[in-house]
Amino acid sequence: MRLFRRGDSASTLDLLVVGLGNPGREHVRDRHNVGWMVADELARRHDGSFKSKFSGRLAEIRVDGLKLALLKPEMYMNLSGSSLAAAARFFKLPTEQIAVVHDDVDLDPGRIQVRLGGGLAGHNGLRSVRQSLGSAEFLRVRVGVGRPGRGDRRPVADYVLSPFAPEEDVEALVSRAADAVESLARDGLEEAQRRFN
């Protein structure tokens, strides 16, 4: 079952994919920026090029005939919802056609979970998105980054704002999360959940 059928909404887009992250060279490889990494991977796979728009970077791509927009808000994480809301208004998208890709400390490293709605789990980016959209009923692609290991006394906030460890296979994680976004767009929520959760 598809997530939506062409013609169901007034939008020219099938899905708006929002990768959460923080701007600045110092954050490029941070766990908190995995959403941006996934957006970059999707753009690479489908020849998308990013342009400045909606206080962020936007690329439009096609995946099996479906039109997707990739957005990387360039405001800090706790303000990213306003960038997303501007794009959603422009494309006339209902919340269920918005997929937010974000890091999740409550999932083991490397795990992916696709869902519609849910809590915020202390994630400032998700809080900003919910505030700006006025709803938590948007799609999420949760990318597991785990928590600090035994003996690691860093607060969770410092942990997610640090780079992935050298032994973590970031490329495989990002690739699998991008696969999940493609499945969500192409096959719908239930099939993406069956394959990736």
Protein backbone atom coordinates (compact mmCIF):
# COMPACT_ATOMS: atom_id res chain seq x y z
CA MET A 1 0.00 0.00 0.00
CA ARG A 2 1.38 3.38 -1.02
CA LEU A 3 1.64 6.19 1.48
CA PHE A 4 -0.34 8.51 -0.78
CA ARG A 5 -1.65 8.57 -4.33
CA ARG A 6 -0.74 11.17 -6.90
CA GLY A 7 -3.53 13.73 -7.03
CA ASP A 8 -4.50 13.32 -3.37
CA SER A 9 -3.03 16.71 -2.46
CA ALA A 10 -2.60 20.02 -4.20
CA SER A 11 1.18 19.69 -3.97
CA THR A 12 3.51 19.10 -6.89
CA LEU A 13 5.70 17.06 -4.50
CA ASP A 14 5.26 13.48 -3.39
CA LEU A 15 7.45 13.81 -0.30
CA LEU A 16 9.45 16.48 1.50
CA VAL A 17 12.47 14.87 3.16
CA VAL A 18 14.02 17.00 5.90
CA GLY A 19 17.44 16.03 7.20
CA LEU A 20 18.14 17.57 10.59
CA GLY A 21 21.60 18.88 11.44
CA ASN A 22 23.62 21.88 12.57
CA PRO A 23 25.43 24.30 10.27
CA GLY A 24 29.19 24.83 10.50
CA ARG A 25 32.23 22.89 9.41
CA GLU A 26 32.84 21.71 12.98
CA HIS A 27 29.55 19.74 12.96
CA VAL A 28 29.82 18.02 9.56
CA ARG A 29 30.58 14.51 10.90
CA ASP A 30 28.65 14.79 14.20
CA ARG A 31 26.11 12.13 15.12
CA HIS A 32 23.54 14.94 15.38
CA ASN A 33 24.10 15.67 11.67
CA VAL A 34 23.21 12.23 10.36
CA GLY A 35 19.99 13.69 8.87
CA TRP A 36 22.07 16.00 6.67
CA MET A 37 24.30 13.08 5.68
CA VAL A 38 21.25 11.11 4.52
CA ALA A 39 19.96 14.09 2.49
CA ASP A 40 23.41 14.41 0.89
CA GLU A 41 23.42 10.68 0.04
CA LEU A 42 19.97 10.90 -1.59
CA ALA A 43 21.08 13.93 -3.62
CA ARG A 44 24.23 12.05 -4.70
CA ARG A 45 22.23 8.96 -5.77
CA HIS A 46 19.67 10.93 -7.76
CA ASP A 47 21.78 13.80 -9.18
CA GLY A 48 20.24 16.48 -6.98
CA SER A 49 22.00 19.77 -6.40
CA PHE A 50 21.33 21.95 -3.39
CA LYS A 51 20.39 25.63 -3.64
CA SER A 52 19.76 28.14 -0.88
CA LYS A 53 16.07 28.30 -0.01
CA PHE A 54 13.83 28.40 3.09
CA SER A 55 16.79 29.32 5.37
CA GLY A 56 18.40 26.06 4.30
CA ARG A 57 19.59 24.06 1.32
CA LEU A 58 17.01 22.49 -1.00
CA ALA A 59 17.39 19.92 -3.77
CA GLU A 60 14.66 18.34 -5.87
CA ILE A 61 15.11 14.76 -7.07
CA ARG A 62 13.10 12.00 -8.74
CA VAL A 63 12.91 8.49 -7.31
CA ASP A 64 11.13 6.05 -9.64
CA GLY A 65 8.96 8.81 -11.08
CA LEU A 66 8.17 10.32 -7.66
CA LYS A 67 9.16 13.91 -6.99
CA LEU A 68 10.98 14.47 -3.70
CA ALA A 69 12.47 17.61 -2.21
CA LEU A 70 15.42 17.31 0.16
CA LEU A 71 15.77 20.06 2.74
CA LYS A 72 18.69 20.70 5.07
CA PRO A 73 17.67 23.54 7.43
CA GLU A 74 20.71 25.74 8.03
CA MET A 75 19.44 27.19 11.26
CA TYR A 76 20.59 25.47 14.41
CA MET A 77 18.76 22.29 15.38
CA ASN A 78 16.43 24.00 17.87
CA LEU A 79 15.19 26.40 15.14
CA SER A 80 14.99 23.99 12.19
CA GLY A 81 11.19 23.77 12.28
CA SER A 82 10.75 27.27 10.85
CA SER A 83 12.75 26.29 7.73
CA LEU A 84 10.66 23.12 7.34
CA ALA A 85 7.37 25.00 7.87
CA ALA A 86 8.28 27.54 5.17
CA ALA A 87 8.99 24.71 2.70
CA ALA A 88 5.78 22.86 3.67
CA ARG A 89 3.72 26.02 3.06
CA PHE A 90 5.44 26.65 -0.28
CA PHE A 91 4.82 23.10 -1.51
CA LYS A 92 1.31 22.96 0.09
CA LEU A 93 2.11 19.71 1.87
CA PRO A 94 0.12 18.03 4.63
CA THR A 95 2.23 16.79 7.56
CA GLU A 96 1.91 13.15 6.50
CA GLN A 97 3.90 13.96 3.33
CA ILE A 98 6.85 15.27 5.36
CA ALA A 99 9.58 12.84 6.44
CA VAL A 100 12.10 14.04 9.03
CA VAL A 101 15.40 12.14 9.17
CA HIS A 102 17.15 12.49 12.54
CA ASP A 103 19.59 10.93 14.98
CA ASP A 104 18.10 8.93 17.85
CA VAL A 105 19.99 8.06 21.05
CA ASP A 106 17.25 5.62 22.11
CA LEU A 107 18.03 3.30 19.18
CA ASP A 108 21.15 1.14 19.12
CA PRO A 109 23.88 2.37 16.76
CA GLY A 110 23.06 1.35 13.21
CA ARG A 111 19.37 0.64 13.82
CA ILE A 112 16.77 2.37 11.63
CA GLN A 113 13.12 2.88 12.51
CA VAL A 114 10.43 4.36 10.26
CA ARG A 115 7.25 5.67 11.89
CA LEU A 116 4.44 8.20 11.72
CA GLY A 117 4.13 10.50 14.71
CA GLY A 118 5.43 9.76 18.20
CA GLY A 119 7.14 11.56 21.04
CA LEU A 120 10.06 13.95 20.97
CA ALA A 121 12.48 12.07 23.27
CA GLY A 122 14.19 15.32 24.24
CA HIS A 123 15.25 16.01 20.62
CA ASN A 124 15.37 19.79 20.10
CA GLY A 125 15.03 19.46 16.33
CA LEU A 126 11.83 17.40 16.65
CA ARG A 127 10.49 19.84 19.24
CA SER A 128 11.05 22.73 16.82
CA VAL A 129 9.40 20.80 13.97
CA ARG A 130 6.34 19.97 16.07
CA GLN A 131 6.04 23.58 17.24
CA SER A 132 6.32 24.98 13.72
CA LEU A 133 3.93 22.47 12.12
CA GLY A 134 1.49 22.46 15.04
CA SER A 135 1.47 18.66 14.89
CA ALA A 136 3.67 15.67 15.69
CA GLU A 137 2.00 13.57 12.96
CA PHE A 138 4.86 13.73 10.49
CA LEU A 139 6.89 10.78 9.21
CA ARG A 140 10.20 10.04 10.87
CA VAL A 141 13.21 8.05 9.83
CA ARG A 142 15.00 7.53 13.14
CA VAL A 143 18.69 6.74 12.77
CA GLY A 144 20.16 5.00 15.80
CA VAL A 145 23.34 6.53 17.23
CA GLY A 146 23.11 4.95 20.71
CA ARG A 147 24.21 6.54 23.97
CA PRO A 148 27.65 7.11 25.51
CA GLY A 149 29.21 3.74 26.37
CA ARG A 150 30.22 2.47 29.78
CA GLY A 151 32.85 4.73 31.30
CA ASP A 152 31.98 7.60 28.94
CA ARG A 153 30.92 10.39 31.29
CA ARG A 154 29.87 12.83 28.56
CA PRO A 155 26.33 14.20 28.77
CA VAL A 156 24.15 12.97 25.88
CA ALA A 157 24.15 16.50 24.37
CA ASP A 158 27.97 16.43 24.10
CA TYR A 159 27.90 12.86 22.77
CA VAL A 160 25.57 13.67 19.84
CA LEU A 161 27.60 16.80 19.07
CA SER A 162 30.74 14.70 18.63
CA PRO A 163 31.86 12.78 15.51
CA PHE A 164 31.07 9.12 14.98
CA ALA A 165 33.79 6.84 16.35
CA PRO A 166 36.31 5.50 13.79
CA GLU A 167 35.03 1.93 14.23
CA GLU A 168 31.44 2.92 13.36
CA ASP A 169 30.48 2.28 9.73
CA VAL A 170 28.89 5.66 9.03
CA GLU A 171 28.67 5.09 5.26
CA ALA A 172 26.66 1.88 5.75
CA LEU A 173 24.37 3.57 8.27
CA VAL A 174 23.72 6.56 6.02
CA SER A 175 23.19 4.31 2.99
CA ARG A 176 20.65 2.16 4.85
CA ALA A 177 18.77 5.24 6.10
CA ALA A 178 18.66 6.58 2.52
CA ASP A 179 17.28 3.19 1.41
CA ALA A 180 14.56 3.57 4.07
CA VAL A 181 13.59 7.03 2.74
CA GLU A 182 13.39 5.66 -0.81
CA SER A 183 11.23 2.75 0.39
CA LEU A 184 8.97 5.12 2.32
CA ALA A 185 8.43 7.23 -0.81
CA ARG A 186 8.06 4.31 -3.22
CA ASP A 187 6.34 1.59 -1.18
CA GLY A 188 4.61 3.46 1.65
CA LEU A 189 4.87 3.44 5.43
CA GLU A 190 3.89 -0.17 6.19
CA GLU A 191 6.32 -1.70 3.72
CA ALA A 192 9.17 0.59 4.85
CA GLN A 193 8.45 -0.41 8.46
CA ARG A 194 8.41 -4.08 7.53
CA ARG A 195 11.76 -3.81 5.79
CA PHE A 196 13.66 -1.51 8.15
CA ASN A 197 12.18 -1.55 11.67
